[in-house]
Amino acid sequence: MTNDKSNKAMNIEIHSLGARLDSFNYQEAQDALLAIIEKGSNAILDMTACNYVSSTGLRVLLSSKKMAEAKGLQLYLVGFSDEVRDIMEVTGFDNFFESFATVDECLKALAI
């Protein structure tokens, strides 16, 4: 996961995932999301490069969302590949998250 940029005016940090979110790299993703939340920032998680999310990865996303909401913050997901969209839909996780096609689309929607 890498820190791409932030939008301080909107209190948002944008981060990108690599090709997979699974049991091999979940801790890095979880730590990065926790750091954003602890700073008091909303997060946009850019998943454009991600083509696989395991059950461990889904747990990281859900627990991060719950932590964010407990602090009055949000976690937005953007850039689902067809494979990730299928995983999110089959598991019902698409109902838990507000998602957008691109980071720009997300930022525009949040600016309204």
PDB file of N, CA and C in Angstrom:
ATOM      1  N   MET A   1       0.856  -1.165   0.000  1.00  0.00           N
ATOM      2  CA  MET A   1       0.000   0.000   0.000  1.00  0.00           C
ATOM      3  C   MET A   1       0.901   1.226   0.000  1.00  0.00           C
ATOM      4  N   THR A   2       0.603   2.166  -0.839  1.00  0.00           N
ATOM      5  CA  THR A   2       1.415   3.370  -0.900  1.00  0.00           C
ATOM      6  C   THR A   2       0.558   4.596  -0.705  1.00  0.00           C
ATOM      7  N   ASN A   3       1.162   5.614  -0.117  1.00  0.00           N
ATOM      8  CA  ASN A   3       0.469   6.878   0.066  1.00  0.00           C
ATOM      9  C   ASN A   3       0.628   7.673  -1.210  1.00  0.00           C
ATOM     10  N   ASP A   4      -0.455   7.906  -1.919  1.00  0.00           N
ATOM     11  CA  ASP A   4      -0.395   8.641  -3.170  1.00  0.00           C
ATOM     12  C   ASP A   4      -0.431  10.142  -2.942  1.00  0.00           C
ATOM     13  N   LYS A   5      -1.465  10.593  -2.265  1.00  0.00           N
ATOM     14  CA  LYS A   5      -1.639  12.024  -2.064  1.00  0.00           C
ATOM     15  C   LYS A   5      -2.713  12.236  -1.022  1.00  0.00           C
ATOM     16  N   SER A   6      -2.906  13.478  -0.676  1.00  0.00           N
ATOM     17  CA  SER A   6      -3.965  13.795   0.266  1.00  0.00           C
ATOM     18  C   SER A   6      -4.684  15.041  -0.198  1.00  0.00           C
ATOM     19  N   ASN A   7      -5.886  15.197   0.288  1.00  0.00           N
ATOM     20  CA  ASN A   7      -6.675  16.381   0.035  1.00  0.00           C
ATOM     21  C   ASN A   7      -6.997  16.953   1.402  1.00  0.00           C
ATOM     22  N   LYS A   8      -6.129  17.833   1.882  1.00  0.00           N
ATOM     23  CA  LYS A   8      -6.261  18.355   3.239  1.00  0.00           C
ATOM     24  C   LYS A   8      -7.544  19.147   3.436  1.00  0.00           C
ATOM     25  N   ALA A   9      -7.996  19.844   2.402  1.00  0.00           N
ATOM     26  CA  ALA A   9      -9.218  20.636   2.528  1.00  0.00           C
ATOM     27  C   ALA A   9     -10.417  19.743   2.843  1.00  0.00           C
ATOM     28  N   MET A  10     -10.401  18.529   2.326  1.00  0.00           N
ATOM     29  CA  MET A  10     -11.502  17.597   2.556  1.00  0.00           C
ATOM     30  C   MET A  10     -11.157  16.562   3.625  1.00  0.00           C
ATOM     31  N   ASN A  11      -9.996  16.674   4.252  1.00  0.00           N
ATOM     32  CA  ASN A  11      -9.549  15.738   5.279  1.00  0.00           C
ATOM     33  C   ASN A  11      -9.554  14.299   4.762  1.00  0.00           C
ATOM     34  N   ILE A  12      -8.938  14.115   3.603  1.00  0.00           N
ATOM     35  CA  ILE A  12      -8.901  12.805   2.959  1.00  0.00           C
ATOM     36  C   ILE A  12      -7.471  12.442   2.590  1.00  0.00           C
ATOM     37  N   GLU A  13      -7.111  11.190   2.854  1.00  0.00           N
ATOM     38  CA  GLU A  13      -5.844  10.653   2.365  1.00  0.00           C
ATOM     39  C   GLU A  13      -6.159   9.553   1.365  1.00  0.00           C
ATOM     40  N   ILE A  14      -5.395   9.532   0.286  1.00  0.00           N
ATOM     41  CA  ILE A  14      -5.599   8.560  -0.783  1.00  0.00           C
ATOM     42  C   ILE A  14      -4.436   7.577  -0.768  1.00  0.00           C
ATOM     43  N   HIS A  15      -4.771   6.299  -0.706  1.00  0.00           N
ATOM     44  CA  HIS A  15      -3.766   5.237  -0.687  1.00  0.00           C
ATOM     45  C   HIS A  15      -4.080   4.203  -1.752  1.00  0.00           C
ATOM     46  N   SER A  16      -3.047   3.549  -2.242  1.00  0.00           N
ATOM     47  CA  SER A  16      -3.207   2.538  -3.291  1.00  0.00           C
ATOM     48  C   SER A  16      -2.782   1.163  -2.801  1.00  0.00           C
ATOM     49  N   LEU A  17      -3.544   0.170  -3.207  1.00  0.00           N
ATOM     50  CA  LEU A  17      -3.188  -1.222  -2.945  1.00  0.00           C
ATOM     51  C   LEU A  17      -2.387  -1.770  -4.108  1.00  0.00           C
ATOM     52  N   GLY A  18      -1.625  -2.819  -3.834  1.00  0.00           N
ATOM     53  CA  GLY A  18      -0.928  -3.536  -4.897  1.00  0.00           C
ATOM     54  C   GLY A  18      -1.873  -4.520  -5.564  1.00  0.00           C
ATOM     55  N   ALA A  19      -1.321  -5.548  -6.180  1.00  0.00           N
ATOM     56  CA  ALA A  19      -2.110  -6.491  -6.974  1.00  0.00           C
ATOM     57  C   ALA A  19      -3.036  -7.374  -6.147  1.00  0.00           C
ATOM     58  N   ARG A  20      -2.704  -7.586  -4.867  1.00  0.00           N
ATOM     59  CA  ARG A  20      -3.501  -8.490  -4.041  1.00  0.00           C
ATOM     60  C   ARG A  20      -3.646  -7.944  -2.626  1.00  0.00           C
ATOM     61  N   LEU A  21      -4.759  -8.281  -2.001  1.00  0.00           N
ATOM     62  CA  LEU A  21      -4.946  -8.037  -0.576  1.00  0.00           C
ATOM     63  C   LEU A  21      -5.310  -9.393   0.015  1.00  0.00           C
ATOM     64  N   ASP A  22      -4.309 -10.029   0.636  1.00  0.00           N
ATOM     65  CA  ASP A  22      -4.499 -11.397   1.109  1.00  0.00           C
ATOM     66  C   ASP A  22      -3.695 -11.649   2.377  1.00  0.00           C
ATOM     67  N   SER A  23      -3.570 -12.908   2.755  1.00  0.00           N
ATOM     68  CA  SER A  23      -2.902 -13.258   4.011  1.00  0.00           C
ATOM     69  C   SER A  23      -1.413 -12.941   4.009  1.00  0.00           C
ATOM     70  N   PHE A  24      -0.836 -12.697   2.855  1.00  0.00           N
ATOM     71  CA  PHE A  24       0.589 -12.376   2.782  1.00  0.00           C
ATOM     72  C   PHE A  24       0.884 -10.903   3.031  1.00  0.00           C
ATOM     73  N   ASN A  25      -0.071 -10.018   2.740  1.00  0.00           N
ATOM     74  CA  ASN A  25       0.203  -8.586   2.894  1.00  0.00           C
ATOM     75  C   ASN A  25      -0.867  -7.838   3.680  1.00  0.00           C
ATOM     76  N   TYR A  26      -1.774  -8.560   4.317  1.00  0.00           N
ATOM     77  CA  TYR A  26      -2.861  -7.887   5.019  1.00  0.00           C
ATOM     78  C   TYR A  26      -2.371  -6.974   6.137  1.00  0.00           C
ATOM     79  N   GLN A  27      -1.300  -7.380   6.825  1.00  0.00           N
ATOM     80  CA  GLN A  27      -0.828  -6.596   7.966  1.00  0.00           C
ATOM     81  C   GLN A  27      -0.372  -5.212   7.529  1.00  0.00           C
ATOM     82  N   GLU A  28       0.316  -5.135   6.400  1.00  0.00           N
ATOM     83  CA  GLU A  28       0.758  -3.840   5.878  1.00  0.00           C
ATOM     84  C   GLU A  28      -0.442  -2.951   5.562  1.00  0.00           C
ATOM     85  N   ALA A  29      -1.439  -3.519   4.913  1.00  0.00           N
ATOM     86  CA  ALA A  29      -2.642  -2.753   4.576  1.00  0.00           C
ATOM     87  C   ALA A  29      -3.380  -2.325   5.834  1.00  0.00           C
ATOM     88  N   GLN A  30      -3.522  -3.231   6.784  1.00  0.00           N
ATOM     89  CA  GLN A  30      -4.216  -2.927   8.028  1.00  0.00           C
ATOM     90  C   GLN A  30      -3.496  -1.825   8.797  1.00  0.00           C
ATOM     91  N   ASP A  31      -2.182  -1.914   8.894  1.00  0.00           N
ATOM     92  CA  ASP A  31      -1.404  -0.895   9.602  1.00  0.00           C
ATOM     93  C   ASP A  31      -1.528   0.471   8.936  1.00  0.00           C
ATOM     94  N   ALA A  32      -1.495   0.492   7.607  1.00  0.00           N
ATOM     95  CA  ALA A  32      -1.594   1.760   6.883  1.00  0.00           C
ATOM     96  C   ALA A  32      -2.965   2.396   7.085  1.00  0.00           C
ATOM     97  N   LEU A  33      -4.027   1.595   7.008  1.00  0.00           N
ATOM     98  CA  LEU A  33      -5.369   2.142   7.207  1.00  0.00           C
ATOM     99  C   LEU A  33      -5.562   2.616   8.643  1.00  0.00           C
ATOM    100  N   LEU A  34      -5.055   1.863   9.594  1.00  0.00           N
ATOM    101  CA  LEU A  34      -5.147   2.270  10.992  1.00  0.00           C
ATOM    102  C   LEU A  34      -4.428   3.594  11.222  1.00  0.00           C
ATOM    103  N   ALA A  35      -3.273   3.778  10.604  1.00  0.00           N
ATOM    104  CA  ALA A  35      -2.526   5.034  10.751  1.00  0.00           C
ATOM    105  C   ALA A  35      -3.329   6.218  10.217  1.00  0.00           C
ATOM    106  N   ILE A  36      -4.007   6.034   9.098  1.00  0.00           N
ATOM    107  CA  ILE A  36      -4.838   7.107   8.535  1.00  0.00           C
ATOM    108  C   ILE A  36      -5.956   7.457   9.506  1.00  0.00           C
ATOM    109  N   ILE A  37      -6.627   6.439   9.996  1.00  0.00           N
ATOM    110  CA  ILE A  37      -7.761   6.645  10.892  1.00  0.00           C
ATOM    111  C   ILE A  37      -7.315   7.303  12.189  1.00  0.00           C
ATOM    112  N   GLU A  38      -6.199   6.857  12.736  1.00  0.00           N
ATOM    113  CA  GLU A  38      -5.705   7.443  13.982  1.00  0.00           C
ATOM    114  C   GLU A  38      -5.325   8.907  13.819  1.00  0.00           C
ATOM    115  N   LYS A  39      -4.949   9.316  12.592  1.00  0.00           N
ATOM    116  CA  LYS A  39      -4.653  10.730  12.326  1.00  0.00           C
ATOM    117  C   LYS A  39      -5.925  11.555  12.212  1.00  0.00           C
ATOM    118  N   GLY A  40      -7.061  10.886  12.155  1.00  0.00           N
ATOM    119  CA  GLY A  40      -8.329  11.590  12.027  1.00  0.00           C
ATOM    120  C   GLY A  40      -8.686  11.946  10.603  1.00  0.00           C
ATOM    121  N   SER A  41      -8.176  11.174   9.653  1.00  0.00           N
ATOM    122  CA  SER A  41      -8.463  11.435   8.240  1.00  0.00           C
ATOM    123  C   SER A  41      -9.409  10.387   7.677  1.00  0.00           C
ATOM    124  N   ASN A  42     -10.243  10.827   6.737  1.00  0.00           N
ATOM    125  CA  ASN A  42     -11.014   9.901   5.918  1.00  0.00           C
ATOM    126  C   ASN A  42     -10.045   9.279   4.924  1.00  0.00           C
ATOM    127  N   ALA A  43     -10.401   8.115   4.383  1.00  0.00           N
ATOM    128  CA  ALA A  43      -9.498   7.438   3.451  1.00  0.00           C
ATOM    129  C   ALA A  43     -10.213   7.048   2.171  1.00  0.00           C
ATOM    130  N   ILE A  44      -9.505   7.256   1.070  1.00  0.00           N
ATOM    131  CA  ILE A  44      -9.893   6.680  -0.210  1.00  0.00           C
ATOM    132  C   ILE A  44      -8.864   5.596  -0.489  1.00  0.00           C
ATOM    133  N   LEU A  45      -9.332   4.373  -0.638  1.00  0.00           N
ATOM    134  CA  LEU A  45      -8.447   3.255  -0.932  1.00  0.00           C
ATOM    135  C   LEU A  45      -8.556   2.949  -2.421  1.00  0.00           C
ATOM    136  N   ASP A  46      -7.499   3.290  -3.154  1.00  0.00           N
ATOM    137  CA  ASP A  46      -7.472   3.079  -4.600  1.00  0.00           C
ATOM    138  C   ASP A  46      -7.081   1.631  -4.868  1.00  0.00           C
ATOM    139  N   MET A  47      -8.028   0.875  -5.394  1.00  0.00           N
ATOM    140  CA  MET A  47      -7.828  -0.552  -5.631  1.00  0.00           C
ATOM    141  C   MET A  47      -7.646  -0.859  -7.114  1.00  0.00           C
ATOM    142  N   THR A  48      -7.288   0.139  -7.900  1.00  0.00           N
ATOM    143  CA  THR A  48      -7.160  -0.022  -9.346  1.00  0.00           C
ATOM    144  C   THR A  48      -6.212  -1.153  -9.725  1.00  0.00           C
ATOM    145  N   ALA A  49      -5.100  -1.297  -9.026  1.00  0.00           N
ATOM    146  CA  ALA A  49      -4.108  -2.329  -9.353  1.00  0.00           C
ATOM    147  C   ALA A  49      -4.438  -3.683  -8.731  1.00  0.00           C
ATOM    148  N   CYS A  50      -5.420  -3.718  -7.854  1.00  0.00           N
ATOM    149  CA  CYS A  50      -5.740  -4.939  -7.108  1.00  0.00           C
ATOM    150  C   CYS A  50      -6.663  -5.842  -7.926  1.00  0.00           C
ATOM    151  N   ASN A  51      -6.280  -7.113  -8.054  1.00  0.00           N
ATOM    152  CA  ASN A  51      -7.128  -8.049  -8.789  1.00  0.00           C
ATOM    153  C   ASN A  51      -7.581  -9.238  -7.944  1.00  0.00           C
ATOM    154  N   TYR A  52      -7.252  -9.216  -6.634  1.00  0.00           N
ATOM    155  CA  TYR A  52      -7.677 -10.302  -5.762  1.00  0.00           C
ATOM    156  C   TYR A  52      -7.763  -9.810  -4.327  1.00  0.00           C
ATOM    157  N   VAL A  53      -8.867 -10.158  -3.662  1.00  0.00           N
ATOM    158  CA  VAL A  53      -9.042  -9.881  -2.239  1.00  0.00           C
ATOM    159  C   VAL A  53      -9.502 -11.179  -1.590  1.00  0.00           C
ATOM    160  N   SER A  54      -8.713 -11.663  -0.631  1.00  0.00           N
ATOM    161  CA  SER A  54      -9.058 -12.902   0.075  1.00  0.00           C
ATOM    162  C   SER A  54     -10.001 -12.590   1.232  1.00  0.00           C
ATOM    163  N   SER A  55     -10.441 -13.627   1.926  1.00  0.00           N
ATOM    164  CA  SER A  55     -11.291 -13.416   3.098  1.00  0.00           C
ATOM    165  C   SER A  55     -10.550 -12.611   4.160  1.00  0.00           C
ATOM    166  N   THR A  56      -9.252 -12.804   4.261  1.00  0.00           N
ATOM    167  CA  THR A  56      -8.447 -12.007   5.192  1.00  0.00           C
ATOM    168  C   THR A  56      -8.462 -10.544   4.778  1.00  0.00           C
ATOM    169  N   GLY A  57      -8.345 -10.286   3.491  1.00  0.00           N
ATOM    170  CA  GLY A  57      -8.409  -8.917   2.985  1.00  0.00           C
ATOM    171  C   GLY A  57      -9.761  -8.282   3.234  1.00  0.00           C
ATOM    172  N   LEU A  58     -10.829  -9.046   3.049  1.00  0.00           N
ATOM    173  CA  LEU A  58     -12.173  -8.531   3.322  1.00  0.00           C
ATOM    174  C   LEU A  58     -12.313  -8.152   4.793  1.00  0.00           C
ATOM    175  N   ARG A  59     -11.742  -8.977   5.662  1.00  0.00           N
ATOM    176  CA  ARG A  59     -11.796  -8.676   7.099  1.00  0.00           C
ATOM    177  C   ARG A  59     -11.083  -7.368   7.403  1.00  0.00           C
ATOM    178  N   VAL A  60      -9.944  -7.137   6.760  1.00  0.00           N
ATOM    179  CA  VAL A  60      -9.201  -5.884   6.947  1.00  0.00           C
ATOM    180  C   VAL A  60     -10.055  -4.696   6.508  1.00  0.00           C
ATOM    181  N   LEU A  61     -10.703  -4.820   5.358  1.00  0.00           N
ATOM    182  CA  LEU A  61     -11.543  -3.727   4.872  1.00  0.00           C
ATOM    183  C   LEU A  61     -12.692  -3.443   5.835  1.00  0.00           C
ATOM    184  N   LEU A  62     -13.372  -4.494   6.278  1.00  0.00           N
ATOM    185  CA  LEU A  62     -14.515  -4.306   7.161  1.00  0.00           C
ATOM    186  C   LEU A  62     -14.100  -3.762   8.522  1.00  0.00           C
ATOM    187  N   SER A  63     -13.042  -4.294   9.098  1.00  0.00           N
ATOM    188  CA  SER A  63     -12.611  -3.799  10.412  1.00  0.00           C
ATOM    189  C   SER A  63     -12.118  -2.360  10.313  1.00  0.00           C
ATOM    190  N   SER A  64     -11.474  -2.009   9.212  1.00  0.00           N
ATOM    191  CA  SER A  64     -11.018  -0.628   9.022  1.00  0.00           C
ATOM    192  C   SER A  64     -12.204   0.315   8.883  1.00  0.00           C
ATOM    193  N   LYS A  65     -13.228  -0.121   8.170  1.00  0.00           N
ATOM    194  CA  LYS A  65     -14.429   0.699   8.026  1.00  0.00           C
ATOM    195  C   LYS A  65     -15.084   0.926   9.385  1.00  0.00           C
ATOM    196  N   LYS A  66     -15.189  -0.127  10.185  1.00  0.00           N
ATOM    197  CA  LYS A  66     -15.798  -0.002  11.509  1.00  0.00           C
ATOM    198  C   LYS A  66     -14.991   0.938  12.402  1.00  0.00           C
ATOM    199  N   MET A  67     -13.666   0.843  12.347  1.00  0.00           N
ATOM    200  CA  MET A  67     -12.822   1.745  13.140  1.00  0.00           C
ATOM    201  C   MET A  67     -13.006   3.188  12.689  1.00  0.00           C
ATOM    202  N   ALA A  68     -13.069   3.393  11.383  1.00  0.00           N
ATOM    203  CA  ALA A  68     -13.257   4.746  10.854  1.00  0.00           C
ATOM    204  C   ALA A  68     -14.596   5.312  11.311  1.00  0.00           C
ATOM    205  N   GLU A  69     -15.651   4.543  11.171  1.00  0.00           N
ATOM    206  CA  GLU A  69     -16.976   5.019  11.550  1.00  0.00           C
ATOM    207  C   GLU A  69     -17.070   5.315  13.042  1.00  0.00           C
ATOM    208  N   ALA A  70     -16.366   4.554  13.859  1.00  0.00           N
ATOM    209  CA  ALA A  70     -16.363   4.806  15.300  1.00  0.00           C
ATOM    210  C   ALA A  70     -15.764   6.169  15.626  1.00  0.00           C
ATOM    211  N   LYS A  71     -14.935   6.687  14.732  1.00  0.00           N
ATOM    212  CA  LYS A  71     -14.318   8.002  14.921  1.00  0.00           C
ATOM    213  C   LYS A  71     -14.993   9.072  14.066  1.00  0.00           C
ATOM    214  N   GLY A  72     -16.142   8.737  13.469  1.00  0.00           N
ATOM    215  CA  GLY A  72     -16.854   9.690  12.634  1.00  0.00           C
ATOM    216  C   GLY A  72     -16.210   9.910  11.279  1.00  0.00           C
ATOM    217  N   LEU A  73     -15.447   8.929  10.817  1.00  0.00           N
ATOM    218  CA  LEU A  73     -14.732   9.028   9.541  1.00  0.00           C
ATOM    219  C   LEU A  73     -15.288   8.006   8.556  1.00  0.00           C
ATOM    220  N   GLN A  74     -14.799   8.072   7.316  1.00  0.00           N
ATOM    221  CA  GLN A  74     -15.254   7.150   6.281  1.00  0.00           C
ATOM    222  C   GLN A  74     -14.077   6.525   5.544  1.00  0.00           C
ATOM    223  N   LEU A  75     -14.309   5.329   5.030  1.00  0.00           N
ATOM    224  CA  LEU A  75     -13.377   4.636   4.146  1.00  0.00           C
ATOM    225  C   LEU A  75     -14.106   4.407   2.830  1.00  0.00           C
ATOM    226  N   TYR A  76     -13.587   5.001   1.764  1.00  0.00           N
ATOM    227  CA  TYR A  76     -14.170   4.862   0.429  1.00  0.00           C
ATOM    228  C   TYR A  76     -13.268   3.966  -0.407  1.00  0.00           C
ATOM    229  N   LEU A  77     -13.869   3.129  -1.237  1.00  0.00           N
ATOM    230  CA  LEU A  77     -13.118   2.234  -2.108  1.00  0.00           C
ATOM    231  C   LEU A  77     -13.307   2.675  -3.549  1.00  0.00           C
ATOM    232  N   VAL A  78     -12.228   2.675  -4.314  1.00  0.00           N
ATOM    233  CA  VAL A  78     -12.323   3.076  -5.721  1.00  0.00           C
ATOM    234  C   VAL A  78     -11.543   2.112  -6.615  1.00  0.00           C
ATOM    235  N   GLY A  79     -11.977   2.037  -7.871  1.00  0.00           N
ATOM    236  CA  GLY A  79     -11.214   1.341  -8.900  1.00  0.00           C
ATOM    237  C   GLY A  79     -11.286  -0.165  -8.872  1.00  0.00           C
ATOM    238  N   PHE A  80     -12.462  -0.732  -8.612  1.00  0.00           N
ATOM    239  CA  PHE A  80     -12.573  -2.191  -8.606  1.00  0.00           C
ATOM    240  C   PHE A  80     -12.282  -2.771  -9.985  1.00  0.00           C
ATOM    241  N   SER A  81     -11.417  -3.770 -10.034  1.00  0.00           N
ATOM    242  CA  SER A  81     -11.274  -4.571 -11.254  1.00  0.00           C
ATOM    243  C   SER A  81     -12.517  -5.456 -11.347  1.00  0.00           C
ATOM    244  N   ASP A  82     -12.720  -6.087 -12.486  1.00  0.00           N
ATOM    245  CA  ASP A  82     -13.863  -6.999 -12.622  1.00  0.00           C
ATOM    246  C   ASP A  82     -13.789  -8.124 -11.593  1.00  0.00           C
ATOM    247  N   GLU A  83     -12.572  -8.620 -11.350  1.00  0.00           N
ATOM    248  CA  GLU A  83     -12.392  -9.709 -10.389  1.00  0.00           C
ATOM    249  C   GLU A  83     -12.753  -9.268  -8.971  1.00  0.00           C
ATOM    250  N   VAL A  84     -12.285  -8.100  -8.582  1.00  0.00           N
ATOM    251  CA  VAL A  84     -12.577  -7.608  -7.232  1.00  0.00           C
ATOM    252  C   VAL A  84     -14.058  -7.266  -7.106  1.00  0.00           C
ATOM    253  N   ARG A  85     -14.644  -6.678  -8.134  1.00  0.00           N
ATOM    254  CA  ARG A  85     -16.080  -6.374  -8.096  1.00  0.00           C
ATOM    255  C   ARG A  85     -16.878  -7.665  -7.884  1.00  0.00           C
ATOM    256  N   ASP A  86     -16.502  -8.732  -8.582  1.00  0.00           N
ATOM    257  CA  ASP A  86     -17.181 -10.019  -8.403  1.00  0.00           C
ATOM    258  C   ASP A  86     -17.063 -10.507  -6.962  1.00  0.00           C
ATOM    259  N   ILE A  87     -15.876 -10.418  -6.389  1.00  0.00           N
ATOM    260  CA  ILE A  87     -15.661 -10.840  -4.999  1.00  0.00           C
ATOM    261  C   ILE A  87     -16.532 -10.017  -4.057  1.00  0.00           C
ATOM    262  N   MET A  88     -16.556  -8.712  -4.263  1.00  0.00           N
ATOM    263  CA  MET A  88     -17.340  -7.828  -3.397  1.00  0.00           C
ATOM    264  C   MET A  88     -18.835  -8.133  -3.520  1.00  0.00           C
ATOM    265  N   GLU A  89     -19.309  -8.392  -4.728  1.00  0.00           N
ATOM    266  CA  GLU A  89     -20.731  -8.673  -4.939  1.00  0.00           C
ATOM    267  C   GLU A  89     -21.137 -10.036  -4.389  1.00  0.00           C
ATOM    268  N   VAL A  90     -20.328 -11.057  -4.644  1.00  0.00           N
ATOM    269  CA  VAL A  90     -20.657 -12.409  -4.179  1.00  0.00           C
ATOM    270  C   VAL A  90     -20.701 -12.464  -2.654  1.00  0.00           C
ATOM    271  N   THR A  91     -19.812 -11.756  -1.999  1.00  0.00           N
ATOM    272  CA  THR A  91     -19.765 -11.769  -0.534  1.00  0.00           C
ATOM    273  C   THR A  91     -20.745 -10.783   0.097  1.00  0.00           C
ATOM    274  N   GLY A  92     -21.313  -9.893  -0.709  1.00  0.00           N
ATOM    275  CA  GLY A  92     -22.212  -8.871  -0.179  1.00  0.00           C
ATOM    276  C   GLY A  92     -21.490  -7.659   0.374  1.00  0.00           C
ATOM    277  N   PHE A  93     -20.171  -7.653   0.275  1.00  0.00           N
ATOM    278  CA  PHE A  93     -19.397  -6.541   0.813  1.00  0.00           C
ATOM    279  C   PHE A  93     -19.618  -5.249   0.032  1.00  0.00           C
ATOM    280  N   ASP A  94     -20.108  -5.354  -1.191  1.00  0.00           N
ATOM    281  CA  ASP A  94     -20.395  -4.139  -1.959  1.00  0.00           C
ATOM    282  C   ASP A  94     -21.485  -3.312  -1.284  1.00  0.00           C
ATOM    283  N   ASN A  95     -22.291  -3.933  -0.424  1.00  0.00           N
ATOM    284  CA  ASN A  95     -23.337  -3.212   0.305  1.00  0.00           C
ATOM    285  C   ASN A  95     -22.804  -2.450   1.511  1.00  0.00           C
ATOM    286  N   PHE A  96     -21.604  -2.761   1.953  1.00  0.00           N
ATOM    287  CA  PHE A  96     -21.037  -2.134   3.144  1.00  0.00           C
ATOM    288  C   PHE A  96     -20.236  -0.875   2.846  1.00  0.00           C
ATOM    289  N   PHE A  97     -19.786  -0.729   1.604  1.00  0.00           N
ATOM    290  CA  PHE A  97     -18.862   0.349   1.257  1.00  0.00           C
ATOM    291  C   PHE A  97     -19.434   1.246   0.170  1.00  0.00           C
ATOM    292  N   GLU A  98     -19.128   2.519   0.283  1.00  0.00           N
ATOM    293  CA  GLU A  98     -19.406   3.436  -0.815  1.00  0.00           C
ATOM    294  C   GLU A  98     -18.215   3.332  -1.759  1.00  0.00           C
ATOM    295  N   SER A  99     -18.488   3.007  -3.014  1.00  0.00           N
ATOM    296  CA  SER A  99     -17.395   2.816  -3.963  1.00  0.00           C
ATOM    297  C   SER A  99     -17.607   3.669  -5.203  1.00  0.00           C
ATOM    298  N   PHE A 100     -16.495   3.962  -5.861  1.00  0.00           N
ATOM    299  CA  PHE A 100     -16.484   4.815  -7.045  1.00  0.00           C
ATOM    300  C   PHE A 100     -15.552   4.204  -8.083  1.00  0.00           C
ATOM    301  N   ALA A 101     -15.752   4.586  -9.337  1.00  0.00           N
ATOM    302  CA  ALA A 101     -14.920   4.062 -10.421  1.00  0.00           C
ATOM    303  C   ALA A 101     -13.499   4.607 -10.360  1.00  0.00           C
ATOM    304  N   THR A 102     -13.354   5.887 -10.004  1.00  0.00           N
ATOM    305  CA  THR A 102     -12.033   6.525  -9.977  1.00  0.00           C
ATOM    306  C   THR A 102     -11.894   7.408  -8.749  1.00  0.00           C
ATOM    307  N   VAL A 103     -10.663   7.753  -8.440  1.00  0.00           N
ATOM    308  CA  VAL A 103     -10.398   8.684  -7.342  1.00  0.00           C
ATOM    309  C   VAL A 103     -11.043  10.031  -7.638  1.00  0.00           C
ATOM    310  N   ASP A 104     -10.893  10.517  -8.866  1.00  0.00           N
ATOM    311  CA  ASP A 104     -11.481  11.812  -9.223  1.00  0.00           C
ATOM    312  C   ASP A 104     -12.992  11.811  -9.045  1.00  0.00           C
ATOM    313  N   GLU A 105     -13.643  10.729  -9.450  1.00  0.00           N
ATOM    314  CA  GLU A 105     -15.097  10.624  -9.279  1.00  0.00           C
ATOM    315  C   GLU A 105     -15.464  10.683  -7.798  1.00  0.00           C
ATOM    316  N   CYS A 106     -14.701  10.014  -6.975  1.00  0.00           N
ATOM    317  CA  CYS A 106     -14.943  10.019  -5.533  1.00  0.00           C
ATOM    318  C   CYS A 106     -14.772  11.418  -4.957  1.00  0.00           C
ATOM    319  N   LEU A 107     -13.679  12.071  -5.307  1.00  0.00           N
ATOM    320  CA  LEU A 107     -13.429  13.423  -4.796  1.00  0.00           C
ATOM    321  C   LEU A 107     -14.519  14.393  -5.234  1.00  0.00           C
ATOM    322  N   LYS A 108     -14.964  14.285  -6.468  1.00  0.00           N
ATOM    323  CA  LYS A 108     -16.040  15.162  -6.954  1.00  0.00           C
ATOM    324  C   LYS A 108     -17.328  14.911  -6.185  1.00  0.00           C
ATOM    325  N   ALA A 109     -17.663  13.655  -5.946  1.00  0.00           N
ATOM    326  CA  ALA A 109     -18.885  13.323  -5.214  1.00  0.00           C
ATOM    327  C   ALA A 109     -18.825  13.831  -3.777  1.00  0.00           C
ATOM    328  N   LEU A 110     -17.663  13.765  -3.161  1.00  0.00           N
ATOM    329  CA  LEU A 110     -17.523  14.195  -1.771  1.00  0.00           C
ATOM    330  C   LEU A 110     -17.466  15.705  -1.636  1.00  0.00           C
ATOM    331  N   ALA A 111     -17.126  16.396  -2.709  1.00  0.00           N
ATOM    332  CA  ALA A 111     -17.018  17.855  -2.666  1.00  0.00           C
ATOM    333  C   ALA A 111     -18.382  18.529  -2.709  1.00  0.00           C
ATOM    334  N   ILE A 112     -19.409  17.789  -3.064  1.00  0.00           N
ATOM    335  CA  ILE A 112     -20.756  18.371  -3.187  1.00  0.00           C
ATOM    336  C   ILE A 112     -21.332  18.645  -1.827  1.00  0.00           C
TER     337      ILE A 112
END
